[in-house]
Amino acid sequence: TDKQLLAVLFYDLSVRAWQFGPPFTGRRLDTLAPDDVERLVRGIGVLRAAHTTRAATQPNLTNHTFIPQHHVVNTFWSTTVVPTLLVTVPNAAAHPIEDWEYVKECTARIANICMDCKVNMDRHISTCQKAIWNTLPQYFGLE
C-alpha cells in the first residue's frame, strides 16, 4: 500500500538525514513539507527508542536448562550485541534494520553454545528486526 511505501521512504530518509535544523544537511530535507519534516523527526525518535528497547531485550532461553549456556548467551548479548547495536557501529542506532543483520553475522561466529541456543538467538534477532520493519508506518505516523 501507499503507507508501506511511504514508511520505507521515510526510513531511507531517516538513515540519510544528518541534521534537522536549518540549513538541512543530508538528502534534501528542505523540499519536505513542514508536516513531513515533523513526522520524520518524531518518527526517528520513536524508531530509535524501539530499536534501543529491543537491543536491551535478551533472547529467551527458557527451553534450555543448561545454565552455562545462559551465561554464554547473556555475556555475548551484553558484550557484543548491545554495543554493536547502540555504540560501536558508526552512527549507532541510525540503521536499525541493517544493524540487526550485522548482529546475525556475529551470532553465527559465537562459540560454546549449542545449536538450539543459536537457533533461539537467530529467531529472537529476526523477530526484533521484523517487528521494527513492520512497525515503520506507525513510527512515522502514517497510520
Protein backbone atom coordinates (compact mmCIF):
# COMPACT_ATOMS: atom_id res chain seq x y z
CA THR A 1 0.00 0.00 0.00
CA ASP A 2 0.97 3.65 -0.18
CA LYS A 3 1.55 3.78 3.58
CA GLN A 4 4.02 0.92 3.41
CA LEU A 5 5.90 2.57 0.56
CA LEU A 6 5.93 5.90 2.38
CA ALA A 7 7.22 4.17 5.51
CA VAL A 8 10.14 2.70 3.55
CA LEU A 9 10.89 6.11 2.05
CA PHE A 10 10.76 7.77 5.47
CA TYR A 11 13.07 5.06 6.84
CA ASP A 12 15.52 5.62 4.00
CA LEU A 13 15.41 9.35 4.65
CA SER A 14 15.93 8.78 8.38
CA VAL A 15 19.14 6.89 7.60
CA ARG A 16 20.39 9.65 5.31
CA ALA A 17 19.40 12.72 7.35
CA TRP A 18 22.23 14.18 9.41
CA GLN A 19 20.84 17.43 10.76
CA PHE A 20 17.33 18.75 11.24
CA GLY A 21 17.82 22.43 11.88
CA PRO A 22 18.32 24.85 9.02
CA PRO A 23 20.32 24.53 6.93
CA PHE A 24 19.24 20.94 6.42
CA THR A 25 22.01 18.55 5.50
CA GLY A 26 21.81 15.09 4.08
CA ARG A 27 19.19 14.31 1.48
CA ARG A 28 17.27 17.47 0.56
CA LEU A 29 15.05 17.69 3.61
CA ASP A 30 14.32 21.29 2.68
CA THR A 31 11.94 20.02 -0.02
CA LEU A 32 9.71 18.28 2.53
CA ALA A 33 6.53 19.90 3.74
CA PRO A 34 6.80 21.09 7.37
CA ASP A 35 4.36 18.36 8.48
CA ASP A 36 6.56 15.72 6.86
CA VAL A 37 9.71 17.09 8.49
CA GLU A 38 7.93 16.90 11.84
CA ARG A 39 6.73 13.37 11.05
CA LEU A 40 10.29 12.38 10.10
CA VAL A 41 11.90 13.84 13.23
CA ARG A 42 9.28 12.36 15.54
CA GLY A 43 9.48 9.01 13.74
CA ILE A 44 13.25 8.83 14.06
CA GLY A 45 12.94 9.30 17.81
CA VAL A 46 10.29 6.60 18.15
CA LEU A 47 12.18 4.25 15.82
CA ARG A 48 15.44 4.62 17.72
CA ALA A 49 13.71 4.19 21.08
CA ALA A 50 12.11 0.95 19.84
CA HIS A 51 15.45 -0.21 18.48
CA THR A 52 17.15 0.52 21.82
CA THR A 53 14.45 -1.33 23.75
CA ARG A 54 14.76 -4.37 21.51
CA ALA A 55 18.56 -4.32 21.73
CA ALA A 56 18.33 -4.44 25.53
CA THR A 57 15.99 -7.45 25.47
CA GLN A 58 17.93 -10.69 25.58
CA PRO A 59 16.75 -13.87 23.90
CA ASN A 60 14.56 -16.14 25.98
CA LEU A 61 16.24 -19.48 26.54
CA THR A 62 13.58 -20.96 28.82
CA ASN A 63 13.55 -24.18 26.81
CA HIS A 64 17.19 -24.70 27.70
CA THR A 65 18.09 -25.63 31.26
CA PHE A 66 21.86 -25.81 30.89
CA ILE A 67 22.95 -22.76 32.91
CA PRO A 68 26.41 -22.27 31.36
CA GLN A 69 24.67 -21.78 28.01
CA HIS A 70 22.61 -18.98 29.51
CA HIS A 71 25.77 -17.34 30.79
CA VAL A 72 27.47 -17.51 27.39
CA VAL A 73 24.42 -16.08 25.62
CA ASN A 74 23.90 -13.33 28.21
CA THR A 75 27.58 -12.38 28.06
CA PHE A 76 27.53 -12.36 24.26
CA TRP A 77 24.40 -10.21 24.27
CA SER A 78 25.78 -7.66 26.74
CA THR A 79 29.34 -7.50 25.36
CA THR A 80 28.70 -7.86 21.63
CA VAL A 81 25.09 -7.30 20.61
CA VAL A 82 24.21 -4.24 22.69
CA PRO A 83 27.48 -2.41 21.94
CA THR A 84 27.18 -3.30 18.24
CA LEU A 85 23.62 -2.04 18.00
CA LEU A 86 23.97 1.05 20.15
CA VAL A 87 27.61 2.12 20.50
CA THR A 88 30.38 0.74 18.31
CA VAL A 89 28.73 0.89 14.90
CA PRO A 90 29.22 4.33 13.34
CA ASN A 91 26.00 6.34 13.79
CA ALA A 92 24.82 3.70 16.24
CA ALA A 93 21.06 3.17 16.11
CA ALA A 94 20.76 5.14 12.87
CA HIS A 95 20.45 1.99 10.75
CA PRO A 96 18.41 -0.39 12.87
CA ILE A 97 17.32 -2.79 10.12
CA GLU A 98 20.82 -3.13 8.74
CA ASP A 99 22.42 -3.31 12.21
CA TRP A 100 20.28 -6.31 13.18
CA GLU A 101 21.52 -8.02 10.01
CA TYR A 102 25.10 -7.49 11.20
CA VAL A 103 24.19 -9.00 14.58
CA LYS A 104 23.01 -12.13 12.75
CA GLU A 105 26.51 -12.42 11.26
CA CYS A 106 28.09 -12.03 14.72
CA THR A 107 25.81 -14.70 16.14
CA ALA A 108 26.96 -17.18 13.52
CA ARG A 109 30.50 -16.88 14.92
CA ILE A 110 29.66 -17.39 18.60
CA ALA A 111 31.27 -20.47 20.12
CA ASN A 112 30.47 -22.57 23.17
CA ILE A 113 26.71 -22.76 22.75
CA CYS A 114 24.51 -25.49 21.42
CA MET A 115 22.62 -25.38 18.15
CA ASP A 116 19.28 -24.89 19.95
CA CYS A 117 20.60 -21.72 21.61
CA LYS A 118 21.92 -20.43 18.28
CA VAL A 119 18.54 -21.10 16.68
CA ASN A 120 16.75 -19.30 19.54
CA MET A 121 19.11 -16.33 19.24
CA ASP A 122 18.65 -16.17 15.47
CA ARG A 123 14.88 -16.36 15.92
CA HIS A 124 14.98 -13.56 18.52
CA ILE A 125 17.13 -11.35 16.29
CA SER A 126 14.86 -11.93 13.27
CA THR A 127 11.80 -11.19 15.39
CA CYS A 128 13.30 -7.90 16.55
CA GLN A 129 14.29 -6.91 13.02
CA LYS A 130 10.90 -7.82 11.54
CA ALA A 131 9.00 -6.06 14.32
CA ILE A 132 10.88 -2.84 13.65
CA TRP A 133 10.35 -3.16 9.89
CA ASN A 134 6.64 -3.97 10.22
CA THR A 135 6.04 -1.07 12.59
CA LEU A 136 7.67 1.62 10.43
CA PRO A 137 4.30 3.08 9.32
CA GLN A 138 3.31 3.66 12.96
CA TYR A 139 6.72 5.08 13.89
CA PHE A 140 6.41 7.71 11.19
CA GLY A 141 2.75 8.49 11.90
CA LEU A 142 1.49 7.10 8.62
CA GLU A 143 -1.34 5.00 10.06
